[in-house]
Amino acid sequence: MADSSVITHLLKVESEAAELVTNAQKEADAKIAETRAKADAEFAAAYESMQKELSADYEAKAQAVRQSHQAEIDAFKKSVEATERDDAAFASFITRIAGI
């Protein structure tokens, strides 16, 4: 009979140990999920902040390039418009090229 009570006691201890392990695993899983959610939120906030900063920087640089490009085009247009036409020289050039 003593063997039976020892076995019963060991089974009870094993059951309690299994329950402790299960509870510890559930607690660990909950902590991991909480930590992961916090890390994901921090990453999302940092990503959004960086994205806004980089986007603003890109837009500023793109605007500067557009302005510089437009200034060069305007300067070229002015230089072309300021150039005098020499119709006689052009006609002479065409005649010489065409071999007429």
PDB file of N, CA and C in Angstrom:
ATOM      1  N   MET A   1       0.813  -1.190   0.000  1.00  0.00           N
ATOM      2  CA  MET A   1       0.000   0.000   0.000  1.00  0.00           C
ATOM      3  C   MET A   1       0.858   1.257   0.000  1.00  0.00           C
ATOM      4  N   ALA A   2       2.013   1.195   0.621  1.00  0.00           N
ATOM      5  CA  ALA A   2       2.906   2.330   0.691  1.00  0.00           C
ATOM      6  C   ALA A   2       3.434   2.675  -0.689  1.00  0.00           C
ATOM      7  N   ASP A   3       3.627   1.652  -1.508  1.00  0.00           N
ATOM      8  CA  ASP A   3       4.093   1.902  -2.868  1.00  0.00           C
ATOM      9  C   ASP A   3       3.058   2.691  -3.654  1.00  0.00           C
ATOM     10  N   SER A   4       1.800   2.386  -3.405  1.00  0.00           N
ATOM     11  CA  SER A   4       0.706   3.065  -4.104  1.00  0.00           C
ATOM     12  C   SER A   4       0.665   4.542  -3.732  1.00  0.00           C
ATOM     13  N   SER A   5       0.851   4.854  -2.455  1.00  0.00           N
ATOM     14  CA  SER A   5       0.804   6.251  -2.036  1.00  0.00           C
ATOM     15  C   SER A   5       2.028   7.020  -2.549  1.00  0.00           C
ATOM     16  N   VAL A   6       3.173   6.328  -2.659  1.00  0.00           N
ATOM     17  CA  VAL A   6       4.380   6.967  -3.190  1.00  0.00           C
ATOM     18  C   VAL A   6       4.168   7.277  -4.669  1.00  0.00           C
ATOM     19  N   ILE A   7       3.622   6.330  -5.389  1.00  0.00           N
ATOM     20  CA  ILE A   7       3.364   6.542  -6.817  1.00  0.00           C
ATOM     21  C   ILE A   7       2.338   7.657  -6.995  1.00  0.00           C
ATOM     22  N   THR A   8       1.300   7.668  -6.190  1.00  0.00           N
ATOM     23  CA  THR A   8       0.284   8.720  -6.257  1.00  0.00           C
ATOM     24  C   THR A   8       0.913  10.079  -5.976  1.00  0.00           C
ATOM     25  N   HIS A   9       1.768  10.100  -4.972  1.00  0.00           N
ATOM     26  CA  HIS A   9       2.454  11.353  -4.622  1.00  0.00           C
ATOM     27  C   HIS A   9       3.349  11.816  -5.783  1.00  0.00           C
ATOM     28  N   LEU A  10       4.081  10.902  -6.397  1.00  0.00           N
ATOM     29  CA  LEU A  10       4.951  11.250  -7.514  1.00  0.00           C
ATOM     30  C   LEU A  10       4.141  11.744  -8.720  1.00  0.00           C
ATOM     31  N   LEU A  11       3.019  11.116  -8.966  1.00  0.00           N
ATOM     32  CA  LEU A  11       2.147  11.564 -10.055  1.00  0.00           C
ATOM     33  C   LEU A  11       1.599  12.968  -9.779  1.00  0.00           C
ATOM     34  N   LYS A  12       1.275  13.215  -8.527  1.00  0.00           N
ATOM     35  CA  LYS A  12       0.780  14.539  -8.136  1.00  0.00           C
ATOM     36  C   LYS A  12       1.879  15.587  -8.331  1.00  0.00           C
ATOM     37  N   VAL A  13       3.108  15.253  -7.902  1.00  0.00           N
ATOM     38  CA  VAL A  13       4.247  16.165  -8.054  1.00  0.00           C
ATOM     39  C   VAL A  13       4.513  16.413  -9.539  1.00  0.00           C
ATOM     40  N   GLU A  14       4.452  15.363 -10.346  1.00  0.00           N
ATOM     41  CA  GLU A  14       4.664  15.513 -11.789  1.00  0.00           C
ATOM     42  C   GLU A  14       3.579  16.400 -12.403  1.00  0.00           C
ATOM     43  N   SER A  15       2.349  16.228 -11.977  1.00  0.00           N
ATOM     44  CA  SER A  15       1.240  17.041 -12.483  1.00  0.00           C
ATOM     45  C   SER A  15       1.440  18.510 -12.119  1.00  0.00           C
ATOM     46  N   GLU A  16       1.863  18.752 -10.874  1.00  0.00           N
ATOM     47  CA  GLU A  16       2.112  20.134 -10.441  1.00  0.00           C
ATOM     48  C   GLU A  16       3.281  20.744 -11.220  1.00  0.00           C
ATOM     49  N   ALA A  17       4.301  19.954 -11.472  1.00  0.00           N
ATOM     50  CA  ALA A  17       5.455  20.439 -12.235  1.00  0.00           C
ATOM     51  C   ALA A  17       5.046  20.770 -13.668  1.00  0.00           C
ATOM     52  N   ALA A  18       4.214  19.906 -14.249  1.00  0.00           N
ATOM     53  CA  ALA A  18       3.737  20.163 -15.609  1.00  0.00           C
ATOM     54  C   ALA A  18       2.907  21.443 -15.652  1.00  0.00           C
ATOM     55  N   GLU A  19       2.098  21.641 -14.627  1.00  0.00           N
ATOM     56  CA  GLU A  19       1.273  22.856 -14.552  1.00  0.00           C
ATOM     57  C   GLU A  19       2.157  24.092 -14.402  1.00  0.00           C
ATOM     58  N   LEU A  20       3.216  23.990 -13.594  1.00  0.00           N
ATOM     59  CA  LEU A  20       4.157  25.108 -13.427  1.00  0.00           C
ATOM     60  C   LEU A  20       4.843  25.439 -14.751  1.00  0.00           C
ATOM     61  N   VAL A  21       5.254  24.401 -15.458  1.00  0.00           N
ATOM     62  CA  VAL A  21       5.919  24.608 -16.745  1.00  0.00           C
ATOM     63  C   VAL A  21       4.951  25.252 -17.736  1.00  0.00           C
ATOM     64  N   THR A  22       3.722  24.774 -17.769  1.00  0.00           N
ATOM     65  CA  THR A  22       2.713  25.338 -18.671  1.00  0.00           C
ATOM     66  C   THR A  22       2.446  26.797 -18.345  1.00  0.00           C
ATOM     67  N   ASN A  23       2.300  27.096 -17.075  1.00  0.00           N
ATOM     68  CA  ASN A  23       2.064  28.491 -16.668  1.00  0.00           C
ATOM     69  C   ASN A  23       3.259  29.374 -16.986  1.00  0.00           C
ATOM     70  N   ALA A  24       4.465  28.858 -16.776  1.00  0.00           N
ATOM     71  CA  ALA A  24       5.674  29.625 -17.082  1.00  0.00           C
ATOM     72  C   ALA A  24       5.767  29.887 -18.585  1.00  0.00           C
ATOM     73  N   GLN A  25       5.406  28.887 -19.393  1.00  0.00           N
ATOM     74  CA  GLN A  25       5.439  29.061 -20.848  1.00  0.00           C
ATOM     75  C   GLN A  25       4.413  30.097 -21.291  1.00  0.00           C
ATOM     76  N   LYS A  26       3.217  30.055 -20.700  1.00  0.00           N
ATOM     77  CA  LYS A  26       2.179  31.047 -21.041  1.00  0.00           C
ATOM     78  C   LYS A  26       2.646  32.455 -20.670  1.00  0.00           C
ATOM     79  N   GLU A  27       3.257  32.580 -19.488  1.00  0.00           N
ATOM     80  CA  GLU A  27       3.754  33.888 -19.049  1.00  0.00           C
ATOM     81  C   GLU A  27       4.875  34.380 -19.962  1.00  0.00           C
ATOM     82  N   ALA A  28       5.763  33.477 -20.339  1.00  0.00           N
ATOM     83  CA  ALA A  28       6.860  33.845 -21.243  1.00  0.00           C
ATOM     84  C   ALA A  28       6.306  34.266 -22.600  1.00  0.00           C
ATOM     85  N   ASP A  29       5.335  33.516 -23.111  1.00  0.00           N
ATOM     86  CA  ASP A  29       4.716  33.864 -24.397  1.00  0.00           C
ATOM     87  C   ASP A  29       4.047  35.234 -24.333  1.00  0.00           C
ATOM     88  N   ALA A  30       3.371  35.518 -23.216  1.00  0.00           N
ATOM     89  CA  ALA A  30       2.712  36.815 -23.052  1.00  0.00           C
ATOM     90  C   ALA A  30       3.742  37.945 -23.012  1.00  0.00           C
ATOM     91  N   LYS A  31       4.846  37.723 -22.285  1.00  0.00           N
ATOM     92  CA  LYS A  31       5.893  38.743 -22.217  1.00  0.00           C
ATOM     93  C   LYS A  31       6.550  38.952 -23.580  1.00  0.00           C
ATOM     94  N   ILE A  32       6.770  37.865 -24.306  1.00  0.00           N
ATOM     95  CA  ILE A  32       7.358  37.976 -25.643  1.00  0.00           C
ATOM     96  C   ILE A  32       6.419  38.748 -26.568  1.00  0.00           C
ATOM     97  N   ALA A  33       5.135  38.428 -26.511  1.00  0.00           N
ATOM     98  CA  ALA A  33       4.161  39.122 -27.359  1.00  0.00           C
ATOM     99  C   ALA A  33       4.096  40.606 -27.016  1.00  0.00           C
ATOM    100  N   GLU A  34       4.115  40.916 -25.731  1.00  0.00           N
ATOM    101  CA  GLU A  34       4.076  42.314 -25.292  1.00  0.00           C
ATOM    102  C   GLU A  34       5.329  43.062 -25.743  1.00  0.00           C
ATOM    103  N   THR A  35       6.475  42.426 -25.573  1.00  0.00           N
ATOM    104  CA  THR A  35       7.741  43.044 -25.976  1.00  0.00           C
ATOM    105  C   THR A  35       7.791  43.224 -27.488  1.00  0.00           C
ATOM    106  N   ARG A  36       7.317  42.217 -28.215  1.00  0.00           N
ATOM    107  CA  ARG A  36       7.303  42.304 -29.678  1.00  0.00           C
ATOM    108  C   ARG A  36       6.378  43.444 -30.131  1.00  0.00           C
ATOM    109  N   ALA A  37       5.220  43.562 -29.516  1.00  0.00           N
ATOM    110  CA  ALA A  37       4.287  44.633 -29.873  1.00  0.00           C
ATOM    111  C   ALA A  37       4.912  45.999 -29.588  1.00  0.00           C
ATOM    112  N   LYS A  38       5.591  46.117 -28.464  1.00  0.00           N
ATOM    113  CA  LYS A  38       6.249  47.383 -28.115  1.00  0.00           C
ATOM    114  C   LYS A  38       7.362  47.697 -29.110  1.00  0.00           C
ATOM    115  N   ALA A  39       8.171  46.685 -29.436  1.00  0.00           N
ATOM    116  CA  ALA A  39       9.268  46.891 -30.395  1.00  0.00           C
ATOM    117  C   ALA A  39       8.722  47.248 -31.774  1.00  0.00           C
ATOM    118  N   ASP A  40       7.643  46.590 -32.186  1.00  0.00           N
ATOM    119  CA  ASP A  40       7.035  46.906 -33.480  1.00  0.00           C
ATOM    120  C   ASP A  40       6.506  48.346 -33.510  1.00  0.00           C
ATOM    121  N   ALA A  41       5.902  48.777 -32.414  1.00  0.00           N
ATOM    122  CA  ALA A  41       5.391  50.147 -32.341  1.00  0.00           C
ATOM    123  C   ALA A  41       6.539  51.158 -32.392  1.00  0.00           C
ATOM    124  N   GLU A  42       7.613  50.875 -31.668  1.00  0.00           N
ATOM    125  CA  GLU A  42       8.775  51.767 -31.687  1.00  0.00           C
ATOM    126  C   GLU A  42       9.401  51.811 -33.080  1.00  0.00           C
ATOM    127  N   PHE A  43       9.492  50.654 -33.727  1.00  0.00           N
ATOM    128  CA  PHE A  43      10.043  50.605 -35.080  1.00  0.00           C
ATOM    129  C   PHE A  43       9.163  51.408 -36.037  1.00  0.00           C
ATOM    130  N   ALA A  44       7.857  51.221 -35.944  1.00  0.00           N
ATOM    131  CA  ALA A  44       6.941  51.930 -36.830  1.00  0.00           C
ATOM    132  C   ALA A  44       7.067  53.443 -36.646  1.00  0.00           C
ATOM    133  N   ALA A  45       7.179  53.884 -35.399  1.00  0.00           N
ATOM    134  CA  ALA A  45       7.318  55.315 -35.131  1.00  0.00           C
ATOM    135  C   ALA A  45       8.639  55.845 -35.684  1.00  0.00           C
ATOM    136  N   ALA A  46       9.713  55.108 -35.461  1.00  0.00           N
ATOM    137  CA  ALA A  46      11.024  55.532 -35.969  1.00  0.00           C
ATOM    138  C   ALA A  46      11.040  55.518 -37.488  1.00  0.00           C
ATOM    139  N   TYR A  47      10.430  54.503 -38.094  1.00  0.00           N
ATOM    140  CA  TYR A  47      10.373  54.395 -39.555  1.00  0.00           C
ATOM    141  C   TYR A  47       9.592  55.565 -40.143  1.00  0.00           C
ATOM    142  N   GLU A  48       8.455  55.873 -39.540  1.00  0.00           N
ATOM    143  CA  GLU A  48       7.638  56.979 -40.043  1.00  0.00           C
ATOM    144  C   GLU A  48       8.369  58.311 -39.915  1.00  0.00           C
ATOM    145  N   SER A  49       9.035  58.504 -38.791  1.00  0.00           N
ATOM    146  CA  SER A  49       9.798  59.730 -38.582  1.00  0.00           C
ATOM    147  C   SER A  49      10.917  59.859 -39.608  1.00  0.00           C
ATOM    148  N   MET A  50      11.648  58.765 -39.822  1.00  0.00           N
ATOM    149  CA  MET A  50      12.739  58.784 -40.785  1.00  0.00           C
ATOM    150  C   MET A  50      12.205  58.999 -42.202  1.00  0.00           C
ATOM    151  N   GLN A  51      11.094  58.366 -42.503  1.00  0.00           N
ATOM    152  CA  GLN A  51      10.495  58.499 -43.834  1.00  0.00           C
ATOM    153  C   GLN A  51      10.081  59.949 -44.077  1.00  0.00           C
ATOM    154  N   LYS A  52       9.488  60.586 -43.091  1.00  0.00           N
ATOM    155  CA  LYS A  52       9.088  61.991 -43.234  1.00  0.00           C
ATOM    156  C   LYS A  52      10.314  62.882 -43.429  1.00  0.00           C
ATOM    157  N   GLU A  53      11.353  62.626 -42.643  1.00  0.00           N
ATOM    158  CA  GLU A  53      12.575  63.426 -42.742  1.00  0.00           C
ATOM    159  C   GLU A  53      13.221  63.272 -44.120  1.00  0.00           C
ATOM    160  N   LEU A  54      13.342  62.025 -44.573  1.00  0.00           N
ATOM    161  CA  LEU A  54      13.961  61.778 -45.875  1.00  0.00           C
ATOM    162  C   LEU A  54      13.098  62.327 -47.015  1.00  0.00           C
ATOM    163  N   SER A  55      11.800  62.224 -46.871  1.00  0.00           N
ATOM    164  CA  SER A  55      10.901  62.736 -47.901  1.00  0.00           C
ATOM    165  C   SER A  55      11.010  64.261 -47.993  1.00  0.00           C
ATOM    166  N   ALA A  56      11.061  64.923 -46.857  1.00  0.00           N
ATOM    167  CA  ALA A  56      11.198  66.381 -46.837  1.00  0.00           C
ATOM    168  C   ALA A  56      12.542  66.789 -47.446  1.00  0.00           C
ATOM    169  N   ASP A  57      13.601  66.055 -47.112  1.00  0.00           N
ATOM    170  CA  ASP A  57      14.925  66.340 -47.655  1.00  0.00           C
ATOM    171  C   ASP A  57      14.924  66.152 -49.171  1.00  0.00           C
ATOM    172  N   TYR A  58      14.309  65.072 -49.635  1.00  0.00           N
ATOM    173  CA  TYR A  58      14.224  64.815 -51.075  1.00  0.00           C
ATOM    174  C   TYR A  58      13.473  65.937 -51.773  1.00  0.00           C
ATOM    175  N   GLU A  59      12.342  66.326 -51.231  1.00  0.00           N
ATOM    176  CA  GLU A  59      11.541  67.383 -51.858  1.00  0.00           C
ATOM    177  C   GLU A  59      12.317  68.697 -51.915  1.00  0.00           C
ATOM    178  N   ALA A  60      13.041  69.027 -50.857  1.00  0.00           N
ATOM    179  CA  ALA A  60      13.830  70.259 -50.842  1.00  0.00           C
ATOM    180  C   ALA A  60      14.919  70.216 -51.909  1.00  0.00           C
ATOM    181  N   LYS A  61      15.609  69.090 -52.001  1.00  0.00           N
ATOM    182  CA  LYS A  61      16.671  68.968 -52.999  1.00  0.00           C
ATOM    183  C   LYS A  61      16.107  68.941 -54.413  1.00  0.00           C
ATOM    184  N   ALA A  62      14.992  68.265 -54.598  1.00  0.00           N
ATOM    185  CA  ALA A  62      14.373  68.218 -55.923  1.00  0.00           C
ATOM    186  C   ALA A  62      13.913  69.611 -56.349  1.00  0.00           C
ATOM    187  N   GLN A  63      13.369  70.371 -55.418  1.00  0.00           N
ATOM    188  CA  GLN A  63      12.937  71.743 -55.728  1.00  0.00           C
ATOM    189  C   GLN A  63      14.139  72.604 -56.096  1.00  0.00           C
ATOM    190  N   ALA A  64      15.245  72.440 -55.384  1.00  0.00           N
ATOM    191  CA  ALA A  64      16.458  73.204 -55.692  1.00  0.00           C
ATOM    192  C   ALA A  64      16.966  72.854 -57.091  1.00  0.00           C
ATOM    193  N   VAL A  65      16.926  71.579 -57.445  1.00  0.00           N
ATOM    194  CA  VAL A  65      17.370  71.158 -58.778  1.00  0.00           C
ATOM    195  C   VAL A  65      16.434  71.724 -59.840  1.00  0.00           C
ATOM    196  N   ARG A  66      15.122  71.674 -59.587  1.00  0.00           N
ATOM    197  CA  ARG A  66      14.160  72.233 -60.551  1.00  0.00           C
ATOM    198  C   ARG A  66      14.403  73.728 -60.770  1.00  0.00           C
ATOM    199  N   GLN A  67      14.653  74.444 -59.684  1.00  0.00           N
ATOM    200  CA  GLN A  67      14.901  75.884 -59.799  1.00  0.00           C
ATOM    201  C   GLN A  67      16.190  76.143 -60.569  1.00  0.00           C
ATOM    202  N   SER A  68      17.239  75.397 -60.255  1.00  0.00           N
ATOM    203  CA  SER A  68      18.508  75.564 -60.948  1.00  0.00           C
ATOM    204  C   SER A  68      18.354  75.240 -62.434  1.00  0.00           C
ATOM    205  N   HIS A  69      17.645  74.185 -62.727  1.00  0.00           N
ATOM    206  CA  HIS A  69      17.410  73.778 -64.111  1.00  0.00           C
ATOM    207  C   HIS A  69      16.629  74.861 -64.851  1.00  0.00           C
ATOM    208  N   GLN A  70      15.609  75.382 -64.223  1.00  0.00           N
ATOM    209  CA  GLN A  70      14.807  76.426 -64.865  1.00  0.00           C
ATOM    210  C   GLN A  70      15.636  77.690 -65.073  1.00  0.00           C
ATOM    211  N   ALA A  71      16.500  78.011 -64.134  1.00  0.00           N
ATOM    212  CA  ALA A  71      17.359  79.187 -64.282  1.00  0.00           C
ATOM    213  C   ALA A  71      18.308  79.002 -65.465  1.00  0.00           C
ATOM    214  N   GLU A  72      18.861  77.802 -65.632  1.00  0.00           N
ATOM    215  CA  GLU A  72      19.740  77.545 -66.774  1.00  0.00           C
ATOM    216  C   GLU A  72      18.972  77.638 -68.091  1.00  0.00           C
ATOM    217  N   ILE A  73      17.766  77.101 -68.123  1.00  0.00           N
ATOM    218  CA  ILE A  73      16.948  77.177 -69.338  1.00  0.00           C
ATOM    219  C   ILE A  73      16.626  78.626 -69.664  1.00  0.00           C
ATOM    220  N   ASP A  74      16.251  79.394 -68.647  1.00  0.00           N
ATOM    221  CA  ASP A  74      15.934  80.812 -68.876  1.00  0.00           C
ATOM    222  C   ASP A  74      17.161  81.572 -69.384  1.00  0.00           C
ATOM    223  N   ALA A  75      18.323  81.299 -68.809  1.00  0.00           N
ATOM    224  CA  ALA A  75      19.548  81.976 -69.257  1.00  0.00           C
ATOM    225  C   ALA A  75      19.867  81.593 -70.703  1.00  0.00           C
ATOM    226  N   PHE A  76      19.680  80.324 -71.058  1.00  0.00           N
ATOM    227  CA  PHE A  76      19.923  79.888 -72.426  1.00  0.00           C
ATOM    228  C   PHE A  76      18.952  80.571 -73.392  1.00  0.00           C
ATOM    229  N   LYS A  77      17.684  80.636 -73.015  1.00  0.00           N
ATOM    230  CA  LYS A  77      16.681  81.292 -73.870  1.00  0.00           C
ATOM    231  C   LYS A  77      17.059  82.751 -74.103  1.00  0.00           C
ATOM    232  N   LYS A  78      17.488  83.430 -73.040  1.00  0.00           N
ATOM    233  CA  LYS A  78      17.866  84.840 -73.175  1.00  0.00           C
ATOM    234  C   LYS A  78      19.069  84.996 -74.102  1.00  0.00           C
ATOM    235  N   SER A  79      20.046  84.080 -73.965  1.00  0.00           N
ATOM    236  CA  SER A  79      21.227  84.196 -74.823  1.00  0.00           C
ATOM    237  C   SER A  79      20.870  83.917 -76.281  1.00  0.00           C
ATOM    238  N   VAL A  80      19.957  82.984 -76.516  1.00  0.00           N
ATOM    239  CA  VAL A  80      19.522  82.695 -77.887  1.00  0.00           C
ATOM    240  C   VAL A  80      18.729  83.878 -78.444  1.00  0.00           C
ATOM    241  N   GLU A  81      17.851  84.433 -77.621  1.00  0.00           N
ATOM    242  CA  GLU A  81      17.045  85.570 -78.076  1.00  0.00           C
ATOM    243  C   GLU A  81      17.914  86.799 -78.323  1.00  0.00           C
ATOM    244  N   ALA A  82      19.011  86.923 -77.587  1.00  0.00           N
ATOM    245  CA  ALA A  82      19.886  88.082 -77.729  1.00  0.00           C
ATOM    246  C   ALA A  82      20.809  87.968 -78.943  1.00  0.00           C
ATOM    247  N   THR A  83      20.942  86.774 -79.469  1.00  0.00           N
ATOM    248  CA  THR A  83      21.815  86.567 -80.629  1.00  0.00           C
ATOM    249  C   THR A  83      21.155  87.176 -81.870  1.00  0.00           C
ATOM    250  N   GLU A  84      21.939  87.990 -82.593  1.00  0.00           N
ATOM    251  CA  GLU A  84      21.397  88.617 -83.808  1.00  0.00           C
ATOM    252  C   GLU A  84      21.416  87.626 -84.953  1.00  0.00           C
ATOM    253  N   ARG A  85      20.396  87.709 -85.770  1.00  0.00           N
ATOM    254  CA  ARG A  85      20.325  86.854 -86.951  1.00  0.00           C
ATOM    255  C   ARG A  85      21.138  87.488 -88.076  1.00  0.00           C
ATOM    256  N   ASP A  86      21.906  86.657 -88.724  1.00  0.00           N
ATOM    257  CA  ASP A  86      22.668  87.124 -89.898  1.00  0.00           C
ATOM    258  C   ASP A  86      22.201  86.270 -91.072  1.00  0.00           C
ATOM    259  N   ASP A  87      21.106  86.738 -91.665  1.00  0.00           N
ATOM    260  CA  ASP A  87      20.477  85.976 -92.751  1.00  0.00           C
ATOM    261  C   ASP A  87      21.415  85.802 -93.941  1.00  0.00           C
ATOM    262  N   ALA A  88      22.223  86.805 -94.244  1.00  0.00           N
ATOM    263  CA  ALA A  88      23.128  86.715 -95.387  1.00  0.00           C
ATOM    264  C   ALA A  88      24.182  85.636 -95.145  1.00  0.00           C
ATOM    265  N   ALA A  89      24.744  85.580 -93.939  1.00  0.00           N
ATOM    266  CA  ALA A  89      25.746  84.574 -93.620  1.00  0.00           C
ATOM    267  C   ALA A  89      25.124  83.181 -93.639  1.00  0.00           C
ATOM    268  N   PHE A  90      23.894  83.085 -93.160  1.00  0.00           N
ATOM    269  CA  PHE A  90      23.214  81.783 -93.154  1.00  0.00           C
ATOM    270  C   PHE A  90      22.945  81.314 -94.578  1.00  0.00           C
ATOM    271  N   ALA A  91      22.474  82.212 -95.416  1.00  0.00           N
ATOM    272  CA  ALA A  91      22.208  81.863 -96.818  1.00  0.00           C
ATOM    273  C   ALA A  91      23.500  81.450 -97.508  1.00  0.00           C
ATOM    274  N   SER A  92      24.579  82.145 -97.232  1.00  0.00           N
ATOM    275  CA  SER A  92      25.873  81.807 -97.813  1.00  0.00           C
ATOM    276  C   SER A  92      26.328  80.427 -97.350  1.00  0.00           C
ATOM    277  N   PHE A  93      26.132  80.144 -96.093  1.00  0.00           N
ATOM    278  CA  PHE A  93      26.503  78.841 -95.542  1.00  0.00           C
ATOM    279  C   PHE A  93      25.699  77.728 -96.205  1.00  0.00           C
ATOM    280  N   ILE A  94      24.416  77.924 -96.342  1.00  0.00           N
ATOM    281  CA  ILE A  94      23.546  76.916 -96.965  1.00  0.00           C
ATOM    282  C   ILE A  94      23.960  76.705 -98.427  1.00  0.00           C
ATOM    283  N   THR A  95      24.257  77.779 -99.109  1.00  0.00           N
ATOM    284  CA  THR A  95      24.668  77.687-100.514  1.00  0.00           C
ATOM    285  C   THR A  95      25.955  76.878-100.613  1.00  0.00           C
ATOM    286  N   ARG A  96      26.891  77.169 -99.736  1.00  0.00           N
ATOM    287  CA  ARG A  96      28.172  76.478 -99.755  1.00  0.00           C
ATOM    288  C   ARG A  96      27.989  74.984 -99.419  1.00  0.00           C
ATOM    289  N   ILE A  97      27.176  74.664 -98.483  1.00  0.00           N
ATOM    290  CA  ILE A  97      26.942  73.282 -98.072  1.00  0.00           C
ATOM    291  C   ILE A  97      26.195  72.529 -99.163  1.00  0.00           C
ATOM    292  N   ALA A  98      25.187  73.152 -99.698  1.00  0.00           N
ATOM    293  CA  ALA A  98      24.354  72.490-100.704  1.00  0.00           C
ATOM    294  C   ALA A  98      25.092  72.384-102.043  1.00  0.00           C
ATOM    295  N   GLY A  99      26.115  73.154-102.213  1.00  0.00           N
ATOM    296  CA  GLY A  99      26.875  73.118-103.446  1.00  0.00           C
ATOM    297  C   GLY A  99      26.143  73.788-104.595  1.00  0.00           C
ATOM    298  N   ILE A 100      25.332  74.730-104.267  1.00  0.00           N
ATOM    299  CA  ILE A 100      24.562  75.435-105.312  1.00  0.00           C
ATOM    300  C   ILE A 100      25.376  76.564-105.878  1.00  0.00           C
TER     301      ILE A 100
END
